[in-house]
N, C-alpha and C. Protein backbone atom coordinates (compact mmCIF):
# COMPACT_ATOMS: atom_id res chain seq x y z
N MET A 1 -0.63 -15.03 -26.94
CA MET A 1 -0.27 -15.56 -25.64
C MET A 1 1.06 -16.31 -25.71
N MET A 2 1.33 -17.02 -26.78
CA MET A 2 2.57 -17.77 -26.90
C MET A 2 3.78 -16.85 -26.85
N THR A 3 3.70 -15.69 -27.48
CA THR A 3 4.81 -14.73 -27.44
C THR A 3 5.06 -14.27 -26.02
N ALA A 4 4.02 -14.07 -25.24
CA ALA A 4 4.18 -13.68 -23.84
C ALA A 4 4.93 -14.76 -23.08
N TYR A 5 4.58 -16.02 -23.32
CA TYR A 5 5.28 -17.12 -22.66
C TYR A 5 6.76 -17.15 -23.05
N VAL A 6 7.04 -16.95 -24.31
CA VAL A 6 8.44 -16.95 -24.77
C VAL A 6 9.22 -15.85 -24.05
N ILE A 7 8.64 -14.68 -23.98
CA ILE A 7 9.30 -13.56 -23.30
C ILE A 7 9.54 -13.91 -21.82
N LEU A 8 8.53 -14.44 -21.17
CA LEU A 8 8.64 -14.76 -19.75
C LEU A 8 9.62 -15.90 -19.49
N VAL A 9 9.66 -16.87 -20.38
CA VAL A 9 10.66 -17.95 -20.24
C VAL A 9 12.06 -17.39 -20.40
N LEU A 10 12.27 -16.52 -21.37
CA LEU A 10 13.60 -15.92 -21.57
C LEU A 10 14.02 -15.10 -20.36
N VAL A 11 13.11 -14.33 -19.80
CA VAL A 11 13.42 -13.54 -18.60
C VAL A 11 13.75 -14.48 -17.44
N SER A 12 12.97 -15.54 -17.30
CA SER A 12 13.22 -16.51 -16.23
C SER A 12 14.59 -17.16 -16.38
N LEU A 13 14.95 -17.52 -17.60
CA LEU A 13 16.27 -18.12 -17.85
C LEU A 13 17.39 -17.13 -17.54
N GLU A 14 17.17 -15.86 -17.89
CA GLU A 14 18.15 -14.83 -17.57
C GLU A 14 18.34 -14.74 -16.05
N ARG A 15 17.24 -14.74 -15.32
CA ARG A 15 17.32 -14.65 -13.85
C ARG A 15 18.03 -15.87 -13.27
N LEU A 16 17.75 -17.06 -13.80
CA LEU A 16 18.43 -18.26 -13.30
C LEU A 16 19.93 -18.21 -13.59
N ALA A 17 20.29 -17.72 -14.77
CA ALA A 17 21.72 -17.57 -15.10
C ALA A 17 22.38 -16.58 -14.16
N GLU A 18 21.69 -15.48 -13.85
CA GLU A 18 22.23 -14.49 -12.91
C GLU A 18 22.42 -15.09 -11.53
N LEU A 19 21.46 -15.92 -11.10
CA LEU A 19 21.60 -16.57 -9.80
C LEU A 19 22.80 -17.51 -9.76
N ALA A 20 23.04 -18.20 -10.86
CA ALA A 20 24.20 -19.09 -10.92
C ALA A 20 25.50 -18.29 -10.82
N ILE A 21 25.57 -17.17 -11.54
CA ILE A 21 26.75 -16.29 -11.47
C ILE A 21 26.91 -15.75 -10.06
N SER A 22 25.80 -15.29 -9.49
CA SER A 22 25.83 -14.73 -8.15
C SER A 22 26.30 -15.77 -7.13
N ASN A 23 25.76 -16.98 -7.21
CA ASN A 23 26.15 -18.03 -6.27
C ASN A 23 27.62 -18.38 -6.39
N ARG A 24 28.12 -18.44 -7.61
CA ARG A 24 29.55 -18.71 -7.81
C ARG A 24 30.40 -17.60 -7.19
N ASN A 25 30.04 -16.35 -7.48
CA ASN A 25 30.79 -15.21 -6.94
C ASN A 25 30.69 -15.14 -5.42
N THR A 26 29.49 -15.41 -4.88
CA THR A 26 29.29 -15.37 -3.43
C THR A 26 30.18 -16.40 -2.75
N LYS A 27 30.17 -17.62 -3.24
CA LYS A 27 31.00 -18.68 -2.63
C LYS A 27 32.48 -18.30 -2.66
N ARG A 28 32.94 -17.78 -3.78
CA ARG A 28 34.35 -17.40 -3.91
C ARG A 28 34.69 -16.25 -2.97
N LEU A 29 33.83 -15.24 -2.89
CA LEU A 29 34.09 -14.10 -2.01
C LEU A 29 34.10 -14.51 -0.55
N LEU A 30 33.13 -15.33 -0.15
CA LEU A 30 33.09 -15.79 1.24
C LEU A 30 34.31 -16.64 1.58
N ALA A 31 34.76 -17.46 0.63
CA ALA A 31 35.96 -18.28 0.85
C ALA A 31 37.20 -17.41 1.01
N ASP A 32 37.17 -16.22 0.40
CA ASP A 32 38.30 -15.27 0.50
C ASP A 32 38.20 -14.37 1.73
N GLY A 33 37.21 -14.61 2.59
CA GLY A 33 37.11 -13.85 3.83
C GLY A 33 36.09 -12.73 3.83
N ALA A 34 35.31 -12.60 2.78
CA ALA A 34 34.26 -11.57 2.75
C ALA A 34 33.16 -11.96 3.74
N ILE A 35 32.35 -10.97 4.10
CA ILE A 35 31.22 -11.24 4.99
C ILE A 35 29.93 -10.82 4.30
N GLU A 36 28.84 -11.49 4.69
CA GLU A 36 27.53 -11.11 4.16
C GLU A 36 26.86 -10.17 5.14
N VAL A 37 26.25 -9.12 4.61
CA VAL A 37 25.53 -8.12 5.40
C VAL A 37 24.06 -8.18 4.99
N GLY A 38 23.17 -8.01 5.95
CA GLY A 38 21.75 -7.93 5.63
C GLY A 38 21.13 -9.21 5.12
N ALA A 39 21.65 -10.34 5.54
CA ALA A 39 21.15 -11.62 5.04
C ALA A 39 19.70 -11.87 5.42
N SER A 40 19.23 -11.27 6.48
CA SER A 40 17.87 -11.55 6.95
C SER A 40 16.79 -11.10 5.97
N HIS A 41 17.06 -10.08 5.16
CA HIS A 41 16.04 -9.61 4.21
C HIS A 41 16.12 -10.32 2.85
N TYR A 42 17.18 -11.07 2.62
CA TYR A 42 17.38 -11.71 1.32
C TYR A 42 16.23 -12.66 0.95
N PRO A 43 15.74 -13.49 1.87
CA PRO A 43 14.61 -14.37 1.48
C PRO A 43 13.39 -13.59 1.00
N PHE A 44 13.14 -12.41 1.57
CA PHE A 44 12.01 -11.60 1.11
C PHE A 44 12.23 -11.13 -0.32
N ILE A 45 13.45 -10.71 -0.63
CA ILE A 45 13.76 -10.28 -2.00
C ILE A 45 13.56 -11.43 -2.98
N VAL A 46 14.05 -12.61 -2.62
CA VAL A 46 13.87 -13.78 -3.47
C VAL A 46 12.39 -14.09 -3.64
N ALA A 47 11.63 -14.00 -2.56
CA ALA A 47 10.20 -14.26 -2.63
C ALA A 47 9.48 -13.27 -3.54
N VAL A 48 9.84 -12.00 -3.43
CA VAL A 48 9.21 -10.97 -4.29
C VAL A 48 9.50 -11.26 -5.76
N HIS A 49 10.76 -11.54 -6.08
CA HIS A 49 11.12 -11.77 -7.48
C HIS A 49 10.50 -13.07 -8.01
N THR A 50 10.45 -14.09 -7.18
CA THR A 50 9.83 -15.35 -7.59
C THR A 50 8.33 -15.16 -7.79
N ALA A 51 7.68 -14.49 -6.85
CA ALA A 51 6.24 -14.24 -6.97
C ALA A 51 5.93 -13.38 -8.19
N TRP A 52 6.81 -12.43 -8.50
CA TRP A 52 6.65 -11.58 -9.68
C TRP A 52 6.61 -12.42 -10.95
N ILE A 53 7.57 -13.33 -11.09
CA ILE A 53 7.63 -14.19 -12.28
C ILE A 53 6.39 -15.10 -12.33
N VAL A 54 6.06 -15.72 -11.20
CA VAL A 54 4.89 -16.61 -11.15
C VAL A 54 3.62 -15.82 -11.49
N ALA A 55 3.48 -14.63 -10.95
CA ALA A 55 2.31 -13.80 -11.23
C ALA A 55 2.23 -13.43 -12.71
N LEU A 56 3.37 -13.16 -13.32
CA LEU A 56 3.37 -12.83 -14.75
C LEU A 56 2.93 -14.03 -15.59
N PHE A 57 3.45 -15.22 -15.28
CA PHE A 57 3.01 -16.42 -15.99
C PHE A 57 1.52 -16.67 -15.76
N THR A 58 1.05 -16.47 -14.55
CA THR A 58 -0.36 -16.67 -14.24
C THR A 58 -1.23 -15.69 -15.02
N TRP A 59 -0.81 -14.43 -15.04
CA TRP A 59 -1.55 -13.41 -15.81
C TRP A 59 -1.61 -13.81 -17.28
N ALA A 60 -0.47 -14.23 -17.81
CA ALA A 60 -0.42 -14.61 -19.23
C ALA A 60 -1.30 -15.83 -19.52
N SER A 61 -1.53 -16.66 -18.50
CA SER A 61 -2.35 -17.86 -18.68
C SER A 61 -3.84 -17.57 -18.63
N PHE A 62 -4.24 -16.56 -17.83
CA PHE A 62 -5.66 -16.37 -17.58
C PHE A 62 -6.24 -15.07 -18.11
N ALA A 63 -5.42 -14.11 -18.39
CA ALA A 63 -5.93 -12.82 -18.88
C ALA A 63 -5.65 -12.72 -20.38
N PRO A 64 -6.50 -12.00 -21.08
CA PRO A 64 -6.19 -11.78 -22.50
C PRO A 64 -4.95 -10.89 -22.60
N VAL A 65 -3.94 -11.40 -23.28
CA VAL A 65 -2.66 -10.69 -23.36
C VAL A 65 -2.54 -10.02 -24.72
N GLU A 66 -2.33 -8.72 -24.66
CA GLU A 66 -2.03 -7.97 -25.86
C GLU A 66 -0.67 -7.32 -25.63
N LEU A 67 0.34 -7.81 -26.35
CA LEU A 67 1.69 -7.32 -26.13
C LEU A 67 1.83 -5.87 -26.54
N SER A 68 2.57 -5.13 -25.73
CA SER A 68 2.89 -3.75 -26.05
C SER A 68 4.33 -3.70 -26.53
N LEU A 69 4.51 -3.41 -27.79
CA LEU A 69 5.86 -3.33 -28.35
C LEU A 69 6.65 -2.17 -27.77
N VAL A 70 5.96 -1.09 -27.43
CA VAL A 70 6.65 0.07 -26.82
C VAL A 70 7.28 -0.34 -25.50
N TRP A 71 6.49 -1.01 -24.64
CA TRP A 71 7.02 -1.43 -23.34
C TRP A 71 8.09 -2.51 -23.52
N LEU A 72 7.92 -3.38 -24.49
CA LEU A 72 8.93 -4.41 -24.75
C LEU A 72 10.26 -3.78 -25.17
N VAL A 73 10.19 -2.80 -26.05
CA VAL A 73 11.41 -2.11 -26.48
C VAL A 73 12.07 -1.41 -25.29
N LEU A 74 11.28 -0.78 -24.44
CA LEU A 74 11.83 -0.13 -23.25
C LEU A 74 12.47 -1.16 -22.31
N TYR A 75 11.81 -2.30 -22.14
CA TYR A 75 12.37 -3.36 -21.30
C TYR A 75 13.72 -3.82 -21.87
N LEU A 76 13.76 -4.06 -23.15
CA LEU A 76 15.00 -4.50 -23.79
C LEU A 76 16.09 -3.43 -23.73
N ALA A 77 15.66 -2.17 -23.78
CA ALA A 77 16.63 -1.06 -23.77
C ALA A 77 17.37 -0.93 -22.44
N ILE A 78 16.79 -1.42 -21.35
CA ILE A 78 17.48 -1.32 -20.07
C ILE A 78 18.42 -2.50 -19.81
N GLN A 79 18.34 -3.53 -20.62
CA GLN A 79 19.19 -4.70 -20.39
C GLN A 79 20.69 -4.43 -20.54
N PRO A 80 21.10 -3.57 -21.46
CA PRO A 80 22.54 -3.26 -21.51
C PRO A 80 23.06 -2.62 -20.22
N LEU A 81 22.23 -1.88 -19.51
CA LEU A 81 22.66 -1.31 -18.23
C LEU A 81 22.93 -2.44 -17.22
N ARG A 82 22.08 -3.46 -17.21
CA ARG A 82 22.30 -4.60 -16.33
C ARG A 82 23.64 -5.27 -16.67
N ALA A 83 23.89 -5.47 -17.95
CA ALA A 83 25.15 -6.09 -18.37
C ALA A 83 26.34 -5.21 -17.97
N TRP A 84 26.19 -3.91 -18.12
CA TRP A 84 27.26 -2.96 -17.76
C TRP A 84 27.58 -3.06 -16.27
N VAL A 85 26.54 -3.12 -15.46
CA VAL A 85 26.72 -3.27 -14.01
C VAL A 85 27.48 -4.57 -13.71
N MET A 86 27.02 -5.66 -14.28
CA MET A 86 27.63 -6.95 -14.01
C MET A 86 29.07 -7.02 -14.49
N LEU A 87 29.33 -6.47 -15.66
CA LEU A 87 30.69 -6.45 -16.18
C LEU A 87 31.60 -5.55 -15.37
N THR A 88 31.07 -4.44 -14.90
CA THR A 88 31.86 -3.51 -14.09
C THR A 88 32.27 -4.16 -12.77
N LEU A 89 31.34 -4.85 -12.13
CA LEU A 89 31.64 -5.48 -10.85
C LEU A 89 32.37 -6.81 -11.01
N GLY A 90 32.18 -7.46 -12.14
CA GLY A 90 32.88 -8.72 -12.40
C GLY A 90 32.67 -9.73 -11.29
N ARG A 91 33.77 -10.22 -10.72
CA ARG A 91 33.70 -11.28 -9.70
C ARG A 91 33.09 -10.78 -8.39
N PHE A 92 32.85 -9.48 -8.27
CA PHE A 92 32.24 -8.93 -7.06
C PHE A 92 30.71 -8.81 -7.17
N TRP A 93 30.15 -9.10 -8.36
CA TRP A 93 28.70 -8.97 -8.54
C TRP A 93 27.98 -10.16 -7.91
N THR A 94 27.03 -9.87 -7.03
CA THR A 94 26.18 -10.90 -6.43
C THR A 94 24.79 -10.33 -6.22
N THR A 95 23.87 -11.22 -5.91
CA THR A 95 22.51 -10.77 -5.56
C THR A 95 22.38 -10.55 -4.07
N ARG A 96 23.42 -10.81 -3.34
CA ARG A 96 23.46 -10.60 -1.90
C ARG A 96 24.38 -9.41 -1.62
N ILE A 97 24.41 -8.97 -0.38
CA ILE A 97 25.35 -7.91 0.01
C ILE A 97 26.56 -8.62 0.61
N ILE A 98 27.58 -8.76 -0.20
CA ILE A 98 28.81 -9.42 0.23
C ILE A 98 29.91 -8.36 0.28
N VAL A 99 30.51 -8.23 1.45
CA VAL A 99 31.53 -7.19 1.65
C VAL A 99 32.90 -7.86 1.71
N PRO A 100 33.69 -7.69 0.65
CA PRO A 100 35.03 -8.27 0.64
C PRO A 100 35.97 -7.52 1.59
N ARG A 101 36.99 -8.22 2.04
CA ARG A 101 38.00 -7.57 2.88
C ARG A 101 38.92 -6.75 2.00
N ASP A 102 39.31 -5.60 2.47
CA ASP A 102 40.34 -4.78 1.82
C ASP A 102 40.06 -4.48 0.35
N VAL A 103 38.80 -4.23 0.01
CA VAL A 103 38.44 -3.89 -1.36
C VAL A 103 37.67 -2.58 -1.34
N ALA A 104 38.11 -1.65 -2.16
CA ALA A 104 37.47 -0.34 -2.22
C ALA A 104 36.16 -0.40 -2.99
N LEU A 105 35.29 0.55 -2.73
CA LEU A 105 34.05 0.68 -3.50
C LEU A 105 34.37 1.00 -4.95
N VAL A 106 33.59 0.47 -5.84
CA VAL A 106 33.76 0.72 -7.27
C VAL A 106 33.21 2.10 -7.60
N ARG A 107 33.97 2.87 -8.36
CA ARG A 107 33.53 4.20 -8.81
C ARG A 107 33.77 4.38 -10.30
N ARG A 108 33.68 3.27 -11.04
CA ARG A 108 33.82 3.34 -12.49
C ARG A 108 32.56 2.76 -13.13
N GLY A 109 32.51 2.77 -14.45
CA GLY A 109 31.33 2.26 -15.13
C GLY A 109 30.10 3.05 -14.71
N PRO A 110 28.97 2.38 -14.55
CA PRO A 110 27.75 3.09 -14.17
C PRO A 110 27.82 3.66 -12.75
N TYR A 111 28.78 3.16 -11.96
CA TYR A 111 28.92 3.65 -10.57
C TYR A 111 29.53 5.05 -10.52
N ARG A 112 30.00 5.55 -11.64
CA ARG A 112 30.43 6.96 -11.70
C ARG A 112 29.23 7.88 -11.60
N PHE A 113 28.07 7.39 -12.05
CA PHE A 113 26.88 8.22 -12.15
C PHE A 113 25.83 7.93 -11.07
N LEU A 114 25.78 6.69 -10.62
CA LEU A 114 24.76 6.26 -9.66
C LEU A 114 25.40 5.41 -8.57
N THR A 115 24.89 5.52 -7.37
CA THR A 115 25.39 4.68 -6.29
C THR A 115 24.89 3.25 -6.44
N HIS A 116 23.66 3.07 -6.91
CA HIS A 116 23.05 1.75 -7.00
C HIS A 116 22.44 1.52 -8.39
N PRO A 117 23.24 1.47 -9.45
CA PRO A 117 22.66 1.32 -10.78
C PRO A 117 21.91 0.01 -10.99
N ASN A 118 22.33 -1.06 -10.32
CA ASN A 118 21.63 -2.33 -10.48
C ASN A 118 20.19 -2.22 -9.98
N TYR A 119 19.99 -1.46 -8.92
CA TYR A 119 18.65 -1.31 -8.37
C TYR A 119 17.77 -0.47 -9.29
N VAL A 120 18.36 0.45 -10.00
CA VAL A 120 17.59 1.21 -11.00
C VAL A 120 17.06 0.26 -12.06
N VAL A 121 17.92 -0.66 -12.50
CA VAL A 121 17.50 -1.66 -13.49
C VAL A 121 16.36 -2.51 -12.93
N VAL A 122 16.52 -2.99 -11.72
CA VAL A 122 15.51 -3.85 -11.11
C VAL A 122 14.17 -3.11 -10.97
N VAL A 123 14.21 -1.88 -10.52
CA VAL A 123 12.98 -1.08 -10.38
C VAL A 123 12.28 -0.97 -11.74
N LEU A 124 13.06 -0.65 -12.76
CA LEU A 124 12.47 -0.50 -14.10
C LEU A 124 11.92 -1.82 -14.62
N GLU A 125 12.67 -2.91 -14.44
CA GLU A 125 12.21 -4.21 -14.92
C GLU A 125 10.90 -4.63 -14.26
N ILE A 126 10.84 -4.49 -12.94
CA ILE A 126 9.65 -4.93 -12.23
C ILE A 126 8.43 -4.11 -12.64
N ALA A 127 8.63 -2.85 -12.96
CA ALA A 127 7.51 -2.01 -13.40
C ALA A 127 7.17 -2.24 -14.87
N ILE A 128 8.18 -2.42 -15.70
CA ILE A 128 7.94 -2.44 -17.15
C ILE A 128 7.49 -3.80 -17.69
N LEU A 129 8.10 -4.90 -17.24
CA LEU A 129 7.74 -6.20 -17.83
C LEU A 129 6.25 -6.51 -17.71
N PRO A 130 5.61 -6.25 -16.58
CA PRO A 130 4.16 -6.49 -16.55
C PRO A 130 3.40 -5.65 -17.59
N LEU A 131 3.89 -4.45 -17.86
CA LEU A 131 3.22 -3.59 -18.84
C LEU A 131 3.35 -4.14 -20.26
N VAL A 132 4.40 -4.92 -20.50
CA VAL A 132 4.57 -5.55 -21.81
C VAL A 132 3.37 -6.45 -22.11
N ILE A 133 2.85 -7.12 -21.07
CA ILE A 133 1.73 -8.04 -21.28
C ILE A 133 0.40 -7.47 -20.77
N GLY A 134 0.37 -6.17 -20.51
CA GLY A 134 -0.86 -5.51 -20.11
C GLY A 134 -1.28 -5.76 -18.66
N ALA A 135 -0.33 -6.14 -17.82
CA ALA A 135 -0.64 -6.48 -16.43
C ALA A 135 -0.31 -5.31 -15.50
N TRP A 136 -0.96 -4.18 -15.72
CA TRP A 136 -0.62 -2.99 -14.92
C TRP A 136 -0.86 -3.20 -13.42
N PRO A 137 -1.88 -4.01 -12.99
CA PRO A 137 -2.00 -4.22 -11.54
C PRO A 137 -0.76 -4.91 -10.95
N LEU A 138 -0.15 -5.82 -11.71
CA LEU A 138 1.07 -6.47 -11.24
C LEU A 138 2.23 -5.49 -11.22
N ALA A 139 2.27 -4.57 -12.16
CA ALA A 139 3.32 -3.55 -12.16
C ALA A 139 3.24 -2.71 -10.89
N VAL A 140 2.03 -2.34 -10.50
CA VAL A 140 1.84 -1.53 -9.30
C VAL A 140 2.17 -2.34 -8.05
N LEU A 141 1.57 -3.51 -7.92
CA LEU A 141 1.76 -4.34 -6.73
C LEU A 141 3.23 -4.67 -6.50
N PHE A 142 3.91 -5.17 -7.53
CA PHE A 142 5.29 -5.60 -7.34
C PHE A 142 6.26 -4.42 -7.26
N SER A 143 5.90 -3.30 -7.84
CA SER A 143 6.73 -2.10 -7.65
C SER A 143 6.69 -1.66 -6.19
N LEU A 144 5.53 -1.75 -5.57
CA LEU A 144 5.42 -1.39 -4.15
C LEU A 144 6.19 -2.38 -3.27
N LEU A 145 6.03 -3.67 -3.52
CA LEU A 145 6.76 -4.67 -2.75
C LEU A 145 8.27 -4.50 -2.93
N ASN A 146 8.68 -4.27 -4.17
CA ASN A 146 10.10 -4.08 -4.46
C ASN A 146 10.63 -2.81 -3.81
N ALA A 147 9.83 -1.76 -3.78
CA ALA A 147 10.27 -0.51 -3.14
C ALA A 147 10.57 -0.74 -1.67
N TRP A 148 9.71 -1.49 -1.00
CA TRP A 148 9.94 -1.78 0.41
C TRP A 148 11.21 -2.62 0.57
N ALA A 149 11.36 -3.66 -0.26
CA ALA A 149 12.54 -4.53 -0.18
C ALA A 149 13.82 -3.73 -0.43
N LEU A 150 13.79 -2.86 -1.42
CA LEU A 150 14.98 -2.06 -1.72
C LEU A 150 15.27 -1.02 -0.65
N TRP A 151 14.23 -0.49 -0.02
CA TRP A 151 14.45 0.45 1.07
C TRP A 151 15.25 -0.24 2.18
N VAL A 152 14.85 -1.45 2.53
CA VAL A 152 15.56 -2.21 3.57
C VAL A 152 16.97 -2.55 3.09
N ARG A 153 17.07 -3.02 1.87
CA ARG A 153 18.35 -3.49 1.33
C ARG A 153 19.35 -2.34 1.18
N ILE A 154 18.92 -1.24 0.63
CA ILE A 154 19.84 -0.12 0.40
C ILE A 154 20.33 0.45 1.72
N ARG A 155 19.47 0.48 2.72
CA ARG A 155 19.92 0.93 4.05
C ARG A 155 21.03 0.01 4.56
N ALA A 156 20.84 -1.30 4.45
CA ALA A 156 21.85 -2.26 4.91
C ALA A 156 23.13 -2.12 4.10
N GLU A 157 22.98 -1.96 2.79
CA GLU A 157 24.16 -1.83 1.93
C GLU A 157 24.92 -0.54 2.23
N ASN A 158 24.20 0.56 2.39
CA ASN A 158 24.86 1.83 2.68
C ASN A 158 25.60 1.79 4.01
N LEU A 159 25.04 1.09 5.00
CA LEU A 159 25.75 0.94 6.27
C LEU A 159 27.07 0.19 6.07
N SER A 160 27.06 -0.80 5.20
CA SER A 160 28.29 -1.55 4.96
C SER A 160 29.32 -0.71 4.20
N PHE A 161 28.88 0.32 3.48
CA PHE A 161 29.77 1.18 2.71
C PHE A 161 30.54 2.17 3.60
N ARG A 162 29.99 2.50 4.73
CA ARG A 162 30.54 3.58 5.55
C ARG A 162 32.01 3.40 5.91
N SER A 163 32.43 2.18 6.10
CA SER A 163 33.82 1.95 6.50
C SER A 163 34.69 1.53 5.33
N ARG A 164 34.17 1.64 4.12
CA ARG A 164 34.90 1.19 2.93
C ARG A 164 35.66 2.34 2.28
N PRO A 165 36.87 2.08 1.81
CA PRO A 165 37.56 3.10 1.02
C PRO A 165 36.87 3.24 -0.34
N VAL A 166 37.03 4.38 -0.96
CA VAL A 166 36.45 4.62 -2.29
C VAL A 166 37.54 4.45 -3.32
N GLY A 167 37.21 3.81 -4.41
CA GLY A 167 38.17 3.62 -5.49
C GLY A 167 37.79 2.43 -6.33
N GLU A 168 38.77 1.72 -6.82
CA GLU A 168 38.55 0.56 -7.67
C GLU A 168 38.76 -0.71 -6.85
N PRO A 169 38.06 -1.80 -7.21
CA PRO A 169 38.28 -3.04 -6.48
C PRO A 169 39.69 -3.56 -6.73
N VAL A 170 40.23 -4.20 -5.74
CA VAL A 170 41.55 -4.81 -5.87
C VAL A 170 41.36 -6.12 -6.60
N SER A 171 42.11 -6.34 -7.67
CA SER A 171 41.96 -7.58 -8.44
C SER A 171 42.73 -8.71 -7.82
C-alpha cells in the first residue's frame, strides 16, 4: 500500500507542477491579448481530474492494493509524450483553451502526427493509473467522465482552430 501512495503522491505533485506552469503561461498569454475559449467547461475538467486523484487515494486506502508492474511501466512509458507536448508548445502550453492573437497552429513535434496529442496522454493516464493499483472500476468510471469532458473540450478547441493559420507559433 505504501508504494501505491508514493506513486499517487508523485502523480499529484506532477499535476500541481503542470497547473503552476499552465497558470503562468495563461496569465502571460492573456496579458498579451489572447482570449480564452470554452471556459465554461473548465471547472468540470478540473473536477474530474481532482475526483480521479481523490478516488485513487481512497481506493489505495480501503481496498487491498496489488501493484501491477506492467501497467506501471505502461503509465511511465507515456510520460515522455506529455513532456514532448509541453516542450513543443512551450509558453503556449496551458490546461485551458487560450487562443493567442496572430499565432499559427503548431504542426511540429507530436502535432505532426496528431491534432490533440496531449488528450491522448490524458486518456491513457486516466485509464492506466487506476489499473496500476487494481482499481479497474475507477478506470472505467473516470474514462467515461473524461470522454464526455474531452468531447466538449475538443469541439470548443476545434472551433477556435477554424480561423487560425497553420504553421509554427510566432516567438
